[in-house]
């Protein structure tokens, strides 16, 4: 390649993009930059956005499950406080928690795992 590619948007498959985007909007504090019945995009003015697209009959990966394709990591100020807030927003905390306390695995309201940590 003559120039390296840049990530513009990370697209997340979803059964209900509007609802799931609202969860991640509250997690990140980002604003909705585009929305229709099948797509919602969130951004903070930076070069990367999160997008949520409707997929008919969407089923999230299990946890733990070797078929997990990728996950997002979020840096928070306080993992314990963030965990409580995310659970109040509809997330769940799976029983299986690897990492010896370096991070916490959370599942979003559709069951997709992601991690929160205080380390960059």
PDB file of N, CA and C in Angstrom:
ATOM      1  N   UNK A   1       0.840  -1.183   0.000  1.00  0.00           N
ATOM      2  CA  UNK A   1       0.000   0.000   0.000  1.00  0.00           C
ATOM      3  C   UNK A   1       0.878   1.237   0.000  1.00  0.00           C
ATOM      4  N   UNK A   2       0.460   2.232  -0.742  1.00  0.00           N
ATOM      5  CA  UNK A   2       1.240   3.464  -0.787  1.00  0.00           C
ATOM      6  C   UNK A   2       1.101   4.272   0.501  1.00  0.00           C
ATOM      7  N   UNK A   3      -0.022   4.148   1.177  1.00  0.00           N
ATOM      8  CA  UNK A   3      -0.232   4.816   2.467  1.00  0.00           C
ATOM      9  C   UNK A   3      -0.989   3.855   3.377  1.00  0.00           C
ATOM     10  N   UNK A   4      -0.698   3.871   4.655  1.00  0.00           N
ATOM     11  CA  UNK A   4      -1.412   2.962   5.552  1.00  0.00           C
ATOM     12  C   UNK A   4      -2.894   3.330   5.654  1.00  0.00           C
ATOM     13  N   UNK A   5      -3.719   2.325   5.809  1.00  0.00           N
ATOM     14  CA  UNK A   5      -5.154   2.552   5.981  1.00  0.00           C
ATOM     15  C   UNK A   5      -5.434   3.011   7.404  1.00  0.00           C
ATOM     16  N   UNK A   6      -6.511   3.763   7.573  1.00  0.00           N
ATOM     17  CA  UNK A   6      -6.941   4.224   8.896  1.00  0.00           C
ATOM     18  C   UNK A   6      -8.313   3.635   9.186  1.00  0.00           C
ATOM     19  N   UNK A   7      -8.592   3.326  10.449  1.00  0.00           N
ATOM     20  CA  UNK A   7      -9.916   2.857  10.829  1.00  0.00           C
ATOM     21  C   UNK A   7     -10.842   4.064  10.881  1.00  0.00           C
ATOM     22  N   UNK A   8     -11.973   3.944  10.198  1.00  0.00           N
ATOM     23  CA  UNK A   8     -12.964   5.012  10.211  1.00  0.00           C
ATOM     24  C   UNK A   8     -14.110   4.698  11.154  1.00  0.00           C
ATOM     25  N   UNK A   9     -14.632   3.463  11.051  1.00  0.00           N
ATOM     26  CA  UNK A   9     -15.760   3.063  11.879  1.00  0.00           C
ATOM     27  C   UNK A   9     -15.630   1.590  12.220  1.00  0.00           C
ATOM     28  N   UNK A  10     -15.882   1.260  13.466  1.00  0.00           N
ATOM     29  CA  UNK A  10     -16.011  -0.126  13.886  1.00  0.00           C
ATOM     30  C   UNK A  10     -17.505  -0.402  13.892  1.00  0.00           C
ATOM     31  N   UNK A  11     -17.958  -1.348  13.043  1.00  0.00           N
ATOM     32  CA  UNK A  11     -19.377  -1.666  12.922  1.00  0.00           C
ATOM     33  C   UNK A  11     -19.696  -2.871  13.794  1.00  0.00           C
ATOM     34  N   UNK A  12     -20.741  -2.744  14.589  1.00  0.00           N
ATOM     35  CA  UNK A  12     -21.176  -3.795  15.493  1.00  0.00           C
ATOM     36  C   UNK A  12     -22.530  -4.299  15.016  1.00  0.00           C
ATOM     37  N   UNK A  13     -22.627  -5.598  14.719  1.00  0.00           N
ATOM     38  CA  UNK A  13     -23.908  -6.193  14.338  1.00  0.00           C
ATOM     39  C   UNK A  13     -24.842  -6.188  15.532  1.00  0.00           C
ATOM     40  N   UNK A  14     -26.141  -6.027  15.268  1.00  0.00           N
ATOM     41  CA  UNK A  14     -27.081  -5.863  16.366  1.00  0.00           C
ATOM     42  C   UNK A  14     -28.493  -6.272  15.972  1.00  0.00           C
ATOM     43  N   UNK A  15     -29.242  -6.745  16.949  1.00  0.00           N
ATOM     44  CA  UNK A  15     -30.669  -7.013  16.742  1.00  0.00           C
ATOM     45  C   UNK A  15     -31.459  -5.711  16.789  1.00  0.00           C
ATOM     46  N   UNK A  16     -31.012  -4.756  17.603  1.00  0.00           N
ATOM     47  CA  UNK A  16     -31.706  -3.488  17.771  1.00  0.00           C
ATOM     48  C   UNK A  16     -30.669  -2.369  17.872  1.00  0.00           C
ATOM     49  N   UNK A  17     -30.235  -1.826  16.723  1.00  0.00           N
ATOM     50  CA  UNK A  17     -29.142  -0.856  16.746  1.00  0.00           C
ATOM     51  C   UNK A  17     -29.429   0.399  17.567  1.00  0.00           C
ATOM     52  N   UNK A  18     -30.654   0.867  17.561  1.00  0.00           N
ATOM     53  CA  UNK A  18     -30.978   2.078  18.316  1.00  0.00           C
ATOM     54  C   UNK A  18     -30.789   1.861  19.814  1.00  0.00           C
ATOM     55  N   UNK A  19     -31.302   0.772  20.330  1.00  0.00           N
ATOM     56  CA  UNK A  19     -31.183   0.459  21.752  1.00  0.00           C
ATOM     57  C   UNK A  19     -29.733   0.193  22.143  1.00  0.00           C
ATOM     58  N   UNK A  20     -29.036  -0.588  21.336  1.00  0.00           N
ATOM     59  CA  UNK A  20     -27.650  -0.907  21.658  1.00  0.00           C
ATOM     60  C   UNK A  20     -26.764   0.332  21.571  1.00  0.00           C
ATOM     61  N   UNK A  21     -27.003   1.179  20.576  1.00  0.00           N
ATOM     62  CA  UNK A  21     -26.226   2.419  20.461  1.00  0.00           C
ATOM     63  C   UNK A  21     -26.443   3.305  21.680  1.00  0.00           C
ATOM     64  N   UNK A  22     -27.659   3.331  22.204  1.00  0.00           N
ATOM     65  CA  UNK A  22     -27.923   4.131  23.403  1.00  0.00           C
ATOM     66  C   UNK A  22     -27.100   3.628  24.591  1.00  0.00           C
ATOM     67  N   UNK A  23     -26.993   2.310  24.729  1.00  0.00           N
ATOM     68  CA  UNK A  23     -26.152   1.745  25.789  1.00  0.00           C
ATOM     69  C   UNK A  23     -24.710   2.227  25.629  1.00  0.00           C
ATOM     70  N   UNK A  24     -24.149   2.105  24.420  1.00  0.00           N
ATOM     71  CA  UNK A  24     -22.762   2.510  24.191  1.00  0.00           C
ATOM     72  C   UNK A  24     -22.604   4.025  24.224  1.00  0.00           C
ATOM     73  N   UNK A  25     -23.644   4.779  23.892  1.00  0.00           N
ATOM     74  CA  UNK A  25     -23.588   6.238  24.009  1.00  0.00           C
ATOM     75  C   UNK A  25     -23.404   6.621  25.471  1.00  0.00           C
ATOM     76  N   UNK A  26     -24.145   5.949  26.355  1.00  0.00           N
ATOM     77  CA  UNK A  26     -24.005   6.234  27.775  1.00  0.00           C
ATOM     78  C   UNK A  26     -22.649   5.764  28.308  1.00  0.00           C
ATOM     79  N   UNK A  27     -22.140   4.664  27.798  1.00  0.00           N
ATOM     80  CA  UNK A  27     -20.819   4.159  28.207  1.00  0.00           C
ATOM     81  C   UNK A  27     -19.710   5.126  27.793  1.00  0.00           C
ATOM     82  N   UNK A  28     -19.749   5.602  26.546  1.00  0.00           N
ATOM     83  CA  UNK A  28     -18.652   6.411  26.016  1.00  0.00           C
ATOM     84  C   UNK A  28     -18.849   7.916  26.169  1.00  0.00           C
ATOM     85  N   UNK A  29     -20.103   8.354  26.283  1.00  0.00           N
ATOM     86  CA  UNK A  29     -20.379   9.788  26.283  1.00  0.00           C
ATOM     87  C   UNK A  29     -20.365  10.381  24.884  1.00  0.00           C
ATOM     88  N   UNK A  30     -20.217   9.534  23.865  1.00  0.00           N
ATOM     89  CA  UNK A  30     -20.196  10.015  22.483  1.00  0.00           C
ATOM     90  C   UNK A  30     -21.600  10.416  22.041  1.00  0.00           C
ATOM     91  N   UNK A  31     -21.655  11.212  20.987  1.00  0.00           N
ATOM     92  CA  UNK A  31     -22.921  11.695  20.441  1.00  0.00           C
ATOM     93  C   UNK A  31     -23.344  10.854  19.233  1.00  0.00           C
ATOM     94  N   UNK A  32     -24.634  10.797  18.991  1.00  0.00           N
ATOM     95  CA  UNK A  32     -25.145  10.152  17.786  1.00  0.00           C
ATOM     96  C   UNK A  32     -24.827  11.047  16.597  1.00  0.00           C
ATOM     97  N   UNK A  33     -24.133  10.494  15.603  1.00  0.00           N
ATOM     98  CA  UNK A  33     -23.774  11.274  14.415  1.00  0.00           C
ATOM     99  C   UNK A  33     -24.650  10.938  13.220  1.00  0.00           C
ATOM    100  N   UNK A  34     -25.316   9.788  13.262  1.00  0.00           N
ATOM    101  CA  UNK A  34     -26.246   9.391  12.197  1.00  0.00           C
ATOM    102  C   UNK A  34     -27.160   8.317  12.751  1.00  0.00           C
ATOM    103  N   UNK A  35     -28.430   8.336  12.317  1.00  0.00           N
ATOM    104  CA  UNK A  35     -29.361   7.298  12.752  1.00  0.00           C
ATOM    105  C   UNK A  35     -30.479   7.136  11.736  1.00  0.00           C
ATOM    106  N   UNK A  36     -30.771   5.884  11.397  1.00  0.00           N
ATOM    107  CA  UNK A  36     -31.986   5.529  10.674  1.00  0.00           C
ATOM    108  C   UNK A  36     -32.488   4.223  11.275  1.00  0.00           C
ATOM    109  N   UNK A  37     -33.440   3.565  10.649  1.00  0.00           N
ATOM    110  CA  UNK A  37     -34.021   2.351  11.231  1.00  0.00           C
ATOM    111  C   UNK A  37     -33.020   1.206  11.365  1.00  0.00           C
ATOM    112  N   UNK A  38     -31.993   1.179  10.527  1.00  0.00           N
ATOM    113  CA  UNK A  38     -31.066   0.051  10.496  1.00  0.00           C
ATOM    114  C   UNK A  38     -29.639   0.373  10.914  1.00  0.00           C
ATOM    115  N   UNK A  39     -29.303   1.638  11.067  1.00  0.00           N
ATOM    116  CA  UNK A  39     -27.937   2.029  11.404  1.00  0.00           C
ATOM    117  C   UNK A  39     -27.933   3.171  12.412  1.00  0.00           C
ATOM    118  N   UNK A  40     -26.996   3.123  13.343  1.00  0.00           N
ATOM    119  CA  UNK A  40     -26.738   4.245  14.251  1.00  0.00           C
ATOM    120  C   UNK A  40     -25.225   4.369  14.373  1.00  0.00           C
ATOM    121  N   UNK A  41     -24.735   5.604  14.263  1.00  0.00           N
ATOM    122  CA  UNK A  41     -23.315   5.872  14.409  1.00  0.00           C
ATOM    123  C   UNK A  41     -23.094   6.803  15.590  1.00  0.00           C
ATOM    124  N   UNK A  42     -22.037   6.519  16.367  1.00  0.00           N
ATOM    125  CA  UNK A  42     -21.636   7.354  17.486  1.00  0.00           C
ATOM    126  C   UNK A  42     -20.228   7.863  17.244  1.00  0.00           C
ATOM    127  N   UNK A  43     -19.974   9.094  17.661  1.00  0.00           N
ATOM    128  CA  UNK A  43     -18.633   9.637  17.538  1.00  0.00           C
ATOM    129  C   UNK A  43     -18.399  10.741  18.543  1.00  0.00           C
ATOM    130  N   UNK A  44     -17.125  11.112  18.669  1.00  0.00           N
ATOM    131  CA  UNK A  44     -16.759  12.196  19.579  1.00  0.00           C
ATOM    132  C   UNK A  44     -15.984  13.290  18.863  1.00  0.00           C
ATOM    133  N   UNK A  45     -16.110  13.338  17.534  1.00  0.00           N
ATOM    134  CA  UNK A  45     -15.378  14.324  16.749  1.00  0.00           C
ATOM    135  C   UNK A  45     -14.019  13.834  16.297  1.00  0.00           C
ATOM    136  N   UNK A  46     -13.606  12.679  16.783  1.00  0.00           N
ATOM    137  CA  UNK A  46     -12.322  12.101  16.392  1.00  0.00           C
ATOM    138  C   UNK A  46     -12.443  11.315  15.097  1.00  0.00           C
ATOM    139  N   UNK A  47     -11.385  10.675  14.701  1.00  0.00           N
ATOM    140  CA  UNK A  47     -11.372   9.979  13.417  1.00  0.00           C
ATOM    141  C   UNK A  47     -12.087   8.622  13.411  1.00  0.00           C
ATOM    142  N   UNK A  48     -12.430   8.078  14.590  1.00  0.00           N
ATOM    143  CA  UNK A  48     -13.040   6.749  14.646  1.00  0.00           C
ATOM    144  C   UNK A  48     -14.443   6.860  15.229  1.00  0.00           C
ATOM    145  N   UNK A  49     -15.378   6.136  14.614  1.00  0.00           N
ATOM    146  CA  UNK A  49     -16.743   6.067  15.119  1.00  0.00           C
ATOM    147  C   UNK A  49     -17.092   4.622  15.460  1.00  0.00           C
ATOM    148  N   UNK A  50     -18.149   4.457  16.264  1.00  0.00           N
ATOM    149  CA  UNK A  50     -18.771   3.155  16.477  1.00  0.00           C
ATOM    150  C   UNK A  50     -20.079   3.166  15.709  1.00  0.00           C
ATOM    151  N   UNK A  51     -20.296   2.128  14.923  1.00  0.00           N
ATOM    152  CA  UNK A  51     -21.545   2.003  14.177  1.00  0.00           C
ATOM    153  C   UNK A  51     -22.271   0.738  14.590  1.00  0.00           C
ATOM    154  N   UNK A  52     -23.578   0.780  14.561  1.00  0.00           N
ATOM    155  CA  UNK A  52     -24.404  -0.363  14.940  1.00  0.00           C
ATOM    156  C   UNK A  52     -25.367  -0.614  13.794  1.00  0.00           C
ATOM    157  N   UNK A  53     -25.335  -1.847  13.257  1.00  0.00           N
ATOM    158  CA  UNK A  53     -26.190  -2.165  12.114  1.00  0.00           C
ATOM    159  C   UNK A  53     -27.109  -3.328  12.442  1.00  0.00           C
ATOM    160  N   UNK A  54     -28.358  -3.206  11.982  1.00  0.00           N
ATOM    161  CA  UNK A  54     -29.359  -4.243  12.221  1.00  0.00           C
ATOM    162  C   UNK A  54     -29.032  -5.480  11.392  1.00  0.00           C
ATOM    163  N   UNK A  55     -29.058  -6.633  12.050  1.00  0.00           N
ATOM    164  CA  UNK A  55     -28.871  -7.929  11.411  1.00  0.00           C
ATOM    165  C   UNK A  55     -30.064  -8.795  11.813  1.00  0.00           C
ATOM    166  N   UNK A  56     -30.799  -9.271  10.834  1.00  0.00           N
ATOM    167  CA  UNK A  56     -31.948 -10.132  11.129  1.00  0.00           C
ATOM    168  C   UNK A  56     -31.479 -11.389  11.852  1.00  0.00           C
ATOM    169  N   UNK A  57     -32.198 -11.774  12.888  1.00  0.00           N
ATOM    170  CA  UNK A  57     -31.907 -12.988  13.663  1.00  0.00           C
ATOM    171  C   UNK A  57     -30.500 -12.985  14.262  1.00  0.00           C
ATOM    172  N   UNK A  58     -29.997 -11.805  14.622  1.00  0.00           N
ATOM    173  CA  UNK A  58     -28.654 -11.700  15.198  1.00  0.00           C
ATOM    174  C   UNK A  58     -28.546 -12.508  16.488  1.00  0.00           C
ATOM    175  N   UNK A  59     -27.465 -13.252  16.626  1.00  0.00           N
ATOM    176  CA  UNK A  59     -27.148 -13.969  17.851  1.00  0.00           C
ATOM    177  C   UNK A  59     -25.719 -13.620  18.249  1.00  0.00           C
ATOM    178  N   UNK A  60     -25.531 -13.090  19.458  1.00  0.00           N
ATOM    179  CA  UNK A  60     -24.189 -12.701  19.885  1.00  0.00           C
ATOM    180  C   UNK A  60     -23.335 -13.911  20.215  1.00  0.00           C
ATOM    181  N   UNK A  61     -22.017 -13.721  20.288  1.00  0.00           N
ATOM    182  CA  UNK A  61     -21.154 -14.811  20.716  1.00  0.00           C
ATOM    183  C   UNK A  61     -21.405 -15.138  22.173  1.00  0.00           C
ATOM    184  N   UNK A  62     -21.112 -16.350  22.569  1.00  0.00           N
ATOM    185  CA  UNK A  62     -21.210 -16.711  23.972  1.00  0.00           C
ATOM    186  C   UNK A  62     -19.949 -16.309  24.712  1.00  0.00           C
ATOM    187  N   UNK A  63     -19.971 -16.445  26.011  1.00  0.00           N
ATOM    188  CA  UNK A  63     -18.777 -16.165  26.800  1.00  0.00           C
ATOM    189  C   UNK A  63     -18.717 -17.147  27.953  1.00  0.00           C
ATOM    190  N   UNK A  64     -17.618 -17.858  28.142  1.00  0.00           N
ATOM    191  CA  UNK A  64     -16.478 -17.908  27.220  1.00  0.00           C
ATOM    192  C   UNK A  64     -16.816 -18.753  25.998  1.00  0.00           C
ATOM    193  N   UNK A  65     -16.296 -18.377  24.874  1.00  0.00           N
ATOM    194  CA  UNK A  65     -16.573 -19.064  23.618  1.00  0.00           C
ATOM    195  C   UNK A  65     -15.415 -18.785  22.665  1.00  0.00           C
ATOM    196  N   UNK A  66     -14.770 -19.800  22.208  1.00  0.00           N
ATOM    197  CA  UNK A  66     -13.621 -19.643  21.307  1.00  0.00           C
ATOM    198  C   UNK A  66     -14.019 -19.018  19.971  1.00  0.00           C
ATOM    199  N   UNK A  67     -15.318 -18.974  19.663  1.00  0.00           N
ATOM    200  CA  UNK A  67     -15.760 -18.402  18.394  1.00  0.00           C
ATOM    201  C   UNK A  67     -15.909 -16.887  18.440  1.00  0.00           C
ATOM    202  N   UNK A  68     -15.624 -16.271  19.559  1.00  0.00           N
ATOM    203  CA  UNK A  68     -15.714 -14.811  19.665  1.00  0.00           C
ATOM    204  C   UNK A  68     -14.764 -14.205  18.631  1.00  0.00           C
ATOM    205  N   UNK A  69     -15.253 -13.330  17.792  1.00  0.00           N
ATOM    206  CA  UNK A  69     -14.439 -12.795  16.701  1.00  0.00           C
ATOM    207  C   UNK A  69     -13.550 -11.644  17.138  1.00  0.00           C
ATOM    208  N   UNK A  70     -14.077 -10.751  17.938  1.00  0.00           N
ATOM    209  CA  UNK A  70     -13.306  -9.642  18.484  1.00  0.00           C
ATOM    210  C   UNK A  70     -14.115  -9.054  19.633  1.00  0.00           C
ATOM    211  N   UNK A  71     -13.479  -8.198  20.413  1.00  0.00           N
ATOM    212  CA  UNK A  71     -14.214  -7.478  21.445  1.00  0.00           C
ATOM    213  C   UNK A  71     -13.589  -6.110  21.631  1.00  0.00           C
ATOM    214  N   UNK A  72     -14.309  -5.224  22.262  1.00  0.00           N
ATOM    215  CA  UNK A  72     -13.829  -3.883  22.545  1.00  0.00           C
ATOM    216  C   UNK A  72     -13.330  -3.820  23.981  1.00  0.00           C
ATOM    217  N   UNK A  73     -12.293  -3.023  24.222  1.00  0.00           N
ATOM    218  CA  UNK A  73     -11.796  -2.727  25.568  1.00  0.00           C
ATOM    219  C   UNK A  73     -12.038  -1.243  25.824  1.00  0.00           C
ATOM    220  N   UNK A  74     -12.569  -0.926  26.996  1.00  0.00           N
ATOM    221  CA  UNK A  74     -12.811   0.455  27.381  1.00  0.00           C
ATOM    222  C   UNK A  74     -12.015   0.765  28.638  1.00  0.00           C
ATOM    223  N   UNK A  75     -11.400   1.938  28.668  1.00  0.00           N
ATOM    224  CA  UNK A  75     -10.647   2.400  29.828  1.00  0.00           C
ATOM    225  C   UNK A  75     -11.567   3.290  30.656  1.00  0.00           C
ATOM    226  N   UNK A  76     -11.682   2.987  31.939  1.00  0.00           N
ATOM    227  CA  UNK A  76     -12.534   3.741  32.860  1.00  0.00           C
ATOM    228  C   UNK A  76     -11.703   4.203  34.051  1.00  0.00           C
ATOM    229  N   UNK A  77     -12.211   5.183  34.780  1.00  0.00           N
ATOM    230  CA  UNK A  77     -11.491   5.675  35.959  1.00  0.00           C
ATOM    231  C   UNK A  77     -11.560   4.691  37.115  1.00  0.00           C
ATOM    232  N   UNK A  78     -12.714   4.043  37.297  1.00  0.00           N
ATOM    233  CA  UNK A  78     -12.925   3.152  38.433  1.00  0.00           C
ATOM    234  C   UNK A  78     -13.740   1.956  37.950  1.00  0.00           C
ATOM    235  N   UNK A  79     -13.119   0.789  37.913  1.00  0.00           N
ATOM    236  CA  UNK A  79     -13.770  -0.411  37.373  1.00  0.00           C
ATOM    237  C   UNK A  79     -14.999  -0.797  38.192  1.00  0.00           C
ATOM    238  N   UNK A  80     -14.910  -0.733  39.506  1.00  0.00           N
ATOM    239  CA  UNK A  80     -16.035  -1.134  40.351  1.00  0.00           C
ATOM    240  C   UNK A  80     -17.252  -0.231  40.125  1.00  0.00           C
ATOM    241  N   UNK A  81     -17.024   1.078  40.088  1.00  0.00           N
ATOM    242  CA  UNK A  81     -18.122   2.024  39.844  1.00  0.00           C
ATOM    243  C   UNK A  81     -18.685   1.840  38.444  1.00  0.00           C
ATOM    244  N   UNK A  82     -17.813   1.710  37.450  1.00  0.00           N
ATOM    245  CA  UNK A  82     -18.269   1.524  36.073  1.00  0.00           C
ATOM    246  C   UNK A  82     -19.072   0.238  35.942  1.00  0.00           C
ATOM    247  N   UNK A  83     -18.645  -0.815  36.607  1.00  0.00           N
ATOM    248  CA  UNK A  83     -19.378  -2.084  36.550  1.00  0.00           C
ATOM    249  C   UNK A  83     -20.790  -1.894  37.076  1.00  0.00           C
ATOM    250  N   UNK A  84     -20.936  -1.255  38.215  1.00  0.00           N
ATOM    251  CA  UNK A  84     -22.263  -1.014  38.788  1.00  0.00           C
ATOM    252  C   UNK A  84     -23.134  -0.190  37.845  1.00  0.00           C
ATOM    253  N   UNK A  85     -22.563   0.842  37.248  1.00  0.00           N
ATOM    254  CA  UNK A  85     -23.319   1.700  36.332  1.00  0.00           C
ATOM    255  C   UNK A  85     -23.737   0.935  35.085  1.00  0.00           C
ATOM    256  N   UNK A  86     -22.850   0.114  34.547  1.00  0.00           N
ATOM    257  CA  UNK A  86     -23.173  -0.667  33.345  1.00  0.00           C
ATOM    258  C   UNK A  86     -24.252  -1.705  33.636  1.00  0.00           C
ATOM    259  N   UNK A  87     -24.196  -2.332  34.793  1.00  0.00           N
ATOM    260  CA  UNK A  87     -25.235  -3.292  35.173  1.00  0.00           C
ATOM    261  C   UNK A  87     -26.587  -2.588  35.272  1.00  0.00           C
ATOM    262  N   UNK A  88     -26.601  -1.365  35.785  1.00  0.00           N
ATOM    263  CA  UNK A  88     -27.842  -0.595  35.880  1.00  0.00           C
ATOM    264  C   UNK A  88     -28.388  -0.223  34.502  1.00  0.00           C
ATOM    265  N   UNK A  89     -27.508  -0.157  33.494  1.00  0.00           N
ATOM    266  CA  UNK A  89     -27.928   0.156  32.120  1.00  0.00           C
ATOM    267  C   UNK A  89     -28.391  -1.078  31.345  1.00  0.00           C
ATOM    268  N   UNK A  90     -28.303  -2.260  31.963  1.00  0.00           N
ATOM    269  CA  UNK A  90     -28.764  -3.476  31.297  1.00  0.00           C
ATOM    270  C   UNK A  90     -27.684  -4.458  30.922  1.00  0.00           C
ATOM    271  N   UNK A  91     -26.426  -4.158  31.240  1.00  0.00           N
ATOM    272  CA  UNK A  91     -25.335  -5.100  30.986  1.00  0.00           C
ATOM    273  C   UNK A  91     -25.385  -6.221  32.024  1.00  0.00           C
ATOM    274  N   UNK A  92     -24.614  -7.268  31.772  1.00  0.00           N
ATOM    275  CA  UNK A  92     -24.456  -8.349  32.742  1.00  0.00           C
ATOM    276  C   UNK A  92     -22.966  -8.592  32.948  1.00  0.00           C
ATOM    277  N   UNK A  93     -22.645  -9.216  34.079  1.00  0.00           N
ATOM    278  CA  UNK A  93     -21.259  -9.564  34.372  1.00  0.00           C
ATOM    279  C   UNK A  93     -21.173 -11.083  34.410  1.00  0.00           C
ATOM    280  N   UNK A  94     -20.536 -11.688  33.393  1.00  0.00           N
ATOM    281  CA  UNK A  94     -20.423 -13.148  33.364  1.00  0.00           C
ATOM    282  C   UNK A  94     -19.644 -13.677  34.565  1.00  0.00           C
ATOM    283  N   UNK A  95     -19.941 -14.901  34.945  1.00  0.00           N
ATOM    284  CA  UNK A  95     -19.218 -15.537  36.046  1.00  0.00           C
ATOM    285  C   UNK A  95     -17.741 -15.744  35.710  1.00  0.00           C
ATOM    286  N   UNK A  96     -17.451 -16.131  34.457  1.00  0.00           N
ATOM    287  CA  UNK A  96     -16.070 -16.387  34.047  1.00  0.00           C
ATOM    288  C   UNK A  96     -15.354 -15.056  33.852  1.00  0.00           C
ATOM    289  N   UNK A  97     -14.356 -14.788  34.697  1.00  0.00           N
ATOM    290  CA  UNK A  97     -13.600 -13.544  34.682  1.00  0.00           C
ATOM    291  C   UNK A  97     -12.104 -13.853  34.658  1.00  0.00           C
ATOM    292  N   UNK A  98     -11.515 -13.992  33.464  1.00  0.00           N
ATOM    293  CA  UNK A  98     -10.072 -14.217  33.397  1.00  0.00           C
ATOM    294  C   UNK A  98      -9.324 -12.916  33.677  1.00  0.00           C
ATOM    295  N   UNK A  99      -8.029 -12.960  33.673  1.00  0.00           N
ATOM    296  CA  UNK A  99      -7.227 -11.747  33.787  1.00  0.00           C
ATOM    297  C   UNK A  99      -6.785 -11.385  35.185  1.00  0.00           C
ATOM    298  N   UNK A 100      -7.137 -12.191  36.165  1.00  0.00           N
ATOM    299  CA  UNK A 100      -6.679 -11.985  37.540  1.00  0.00           C
ATOM    300  C   UNK A 100      -6.905 -10.560  38.039  1.00  0.00           C
ATOM    301  N   UNK A 101      -8.045  -9.975  37.687  1.00  0.00           N
ATOM    302  CA  UNK A 101      -8.399  -8.655  38.182  1.00  0.00           C
ATOM    303  C   UNK A 101      -7.851  -7.489  37.381  1.00  0.00           C
ATOM    304  N   UNK A 102      -7.096  -7.756  36.318  1.00  0.00           N
ATOM    305  CA  UNK A 102      -6.560  -6.668  35.502  1.00  0.00           C
ATOM    306  C   UNK A 102      -7.658  -5.980  34.682  1.00  0.00           C
ATOM    307  N   UNK A 103      -8.752  -6.673  34.460  1.00  0.00           N
ATOM    308  CA  UNK A 103      -9.896  -6.138  33.727  1.00  0.00           C
ATOM    309  C   UNK A 103     -11.129  -6.928  34.138  1.00  0.00           C
ATOM    310  N   UNK A 104     -12.286  -6.398  33.789  1.00  0.00           N
ATOM    311  CA  UNK A 104     -13.557  -7.068  34.053  1.00  0.00           C
ATOM    312  C   UNK A 104     -14.265  -7.272  32.721  1.00  0.00           C
ATOM    313  N   UNK A 105     -14.755  -8.477  32.517  1.00  0.00           N
ATOM    314  CA  UNK A 105     -15.547  -8.771  31.322  1.00  0.00           C
ATOM    315  C   UNK A 105     -17.003  -8.434  31.635  1.00  0.00           C
ATOM    316  N   UNK A 106     -17.606  -7.668  30.746  1.00  0.00           N
ATOM    317  CA  UNK A 106     -19.006  -7.270  30.842  1.00  0.00           C
ATOM    318  C   UNK A 106     -19.672  -7.712  29.538  1.00  0.00           C
ATOM    319  N   UNK A 107     -20.949  -8.065  29.588  1.00  0.00           N
ATOM    320  CA  UNK A 107     -21.706  -8.356  28.368  1.00  0.00           C
ATOM    321  C   UNK A 107     -22.732  -7.250  28.184  1.00  0.00           C
ATOM    322  N   UNK A 108     -22.767  -6.666  26.990  1.00  0.00           N
ATOM    323  CA  UNK A 108     -23.729  -5.596  26.727  1.00  0.00           C
ATOM    324  C   UNK A 108     -25.155  -6.161  26.741  1.00  0.00           C
ATOM    325  N   UNK A 109     -26.180  -5.332  26.614  1.00  0.00           N
ATOM    326  CA  UNK A 109     -27.554  -5.823  26.711  1.00  0.00           C
ATOM    327  C   UNK A 109     -27.936  -6.899  25.684  1.00  0.00           C
ATOM    328  N   UNK A 110     -27.169  -7.026  24.599  1.00  0.00           N
ATOM    329  CA  UNK A 110     -27.418  -8.084  23.621  1.00  0.00           C
ATOM    330  C   UNK A 110     -26.524  -9.291  23.850  1.00  0.00           C
ATOM    331  N   UNK A 111     -25.688  -9.262  24.888  1.00  0.00           N
ATOM    332  CA  UNK A 111     -24.856 -10.409  25.240  1.00  0.00           C
ATOM    333  C   UNK A 111     -23.453 -10.406  24.677  1.00  0.00           C
ATOM    334  N   UNK A 112     -23.054  -9.336  24.003  1.00  0.00           N
ATOM    335  CA  UNK A 112     -21.720  -9.250  23.403  1.00  0.00           C
ATOM    336  C   UNK A 112     -20.708  -8.860  24.481  1.00  0.00           C
ATOM    337  N   UNK A 113     -19.643  -9.645  24.675  1.00  0.00           N
ATOM    338  CA  UNK A 113     -18.669  -9.299  25.719  1.00  0.00           C
ATOM    339  C   UNK A 113     -17.748  -8.149  25.314  1.00  0.00           C
ATOM    340  N   UNK A 114     -17.380  -7.359  26.312  1.00  0.00           N
ATOM    341  CA  UNK A 114     -16.347  -6.350  26.175  1.00  0.00           C
ATOM    342  C   UNK A 114     -15.649  -6.245  27.520  1.00  0.00           C
ATOM    343  N   UNK A 115     -14.523  -5.553  27.559  1.00  0.00           N
ATOM    344  CA  UNK A 115     -13.763  -5.447  28.804  1.00  0.00           C
ATOM    345  C   UNK A 115     -13.685  -4.002  29.249  1.00  0.00           C
ATOM    346  N   UNK A 116     -13.628  -3.818  30.566  1.00  0.00           N
ATOM    347  CA  UNK A 116     -13.324  -2.503  31.127  1.00  0.00           C
ATOM    348  C   UNK A 116     -12.103  -2.667  32.016  1.00  0.00           C
ATOM    349  N   UNK A 117     -11.258  -1.644  32.003  1.00  0.00           N
ATOM    350  CA  UNK A 117     -10.004  -1.665  32.751  1.00  0.00           C
ATOM    351  C   UNK A 117      -9.599  -0.244  33.064  1.00  0.00           C
ATOM    352  N   UNK A 118      -8.682  -0.071  33.987  1.00  0.00           N
ATOM    353  CA  UNK A 118      -8.125   1.252  34.252  1.00  0.00           C
ATOM    354  C   UNK A 118      -6.800   1.448  33.535  1.00  0.00           C
ATOM    355  N   UNK A 119      -6.273   0.400  32.945  1.00  0.00           N
ATOM    356  CA  UNK A 119      -4.993   0.484  32.241  1.00  0.00           C
ATOM    357  C   UNK A 119      -5.217   0.811  30.773  1.00  0.00           C
ATOM    358  N   UNK A 120      -4.366   1.672  30.208  1.00  0.00           N
ATOM    359  CA  UNK A 120      -4.465   1.991  28.769  1.00  0.00           C
ATOM    360  C   UNK A 120      -3.913   0.860  27.948  1.00  0.00           C
TER     361      UNK A 120
END
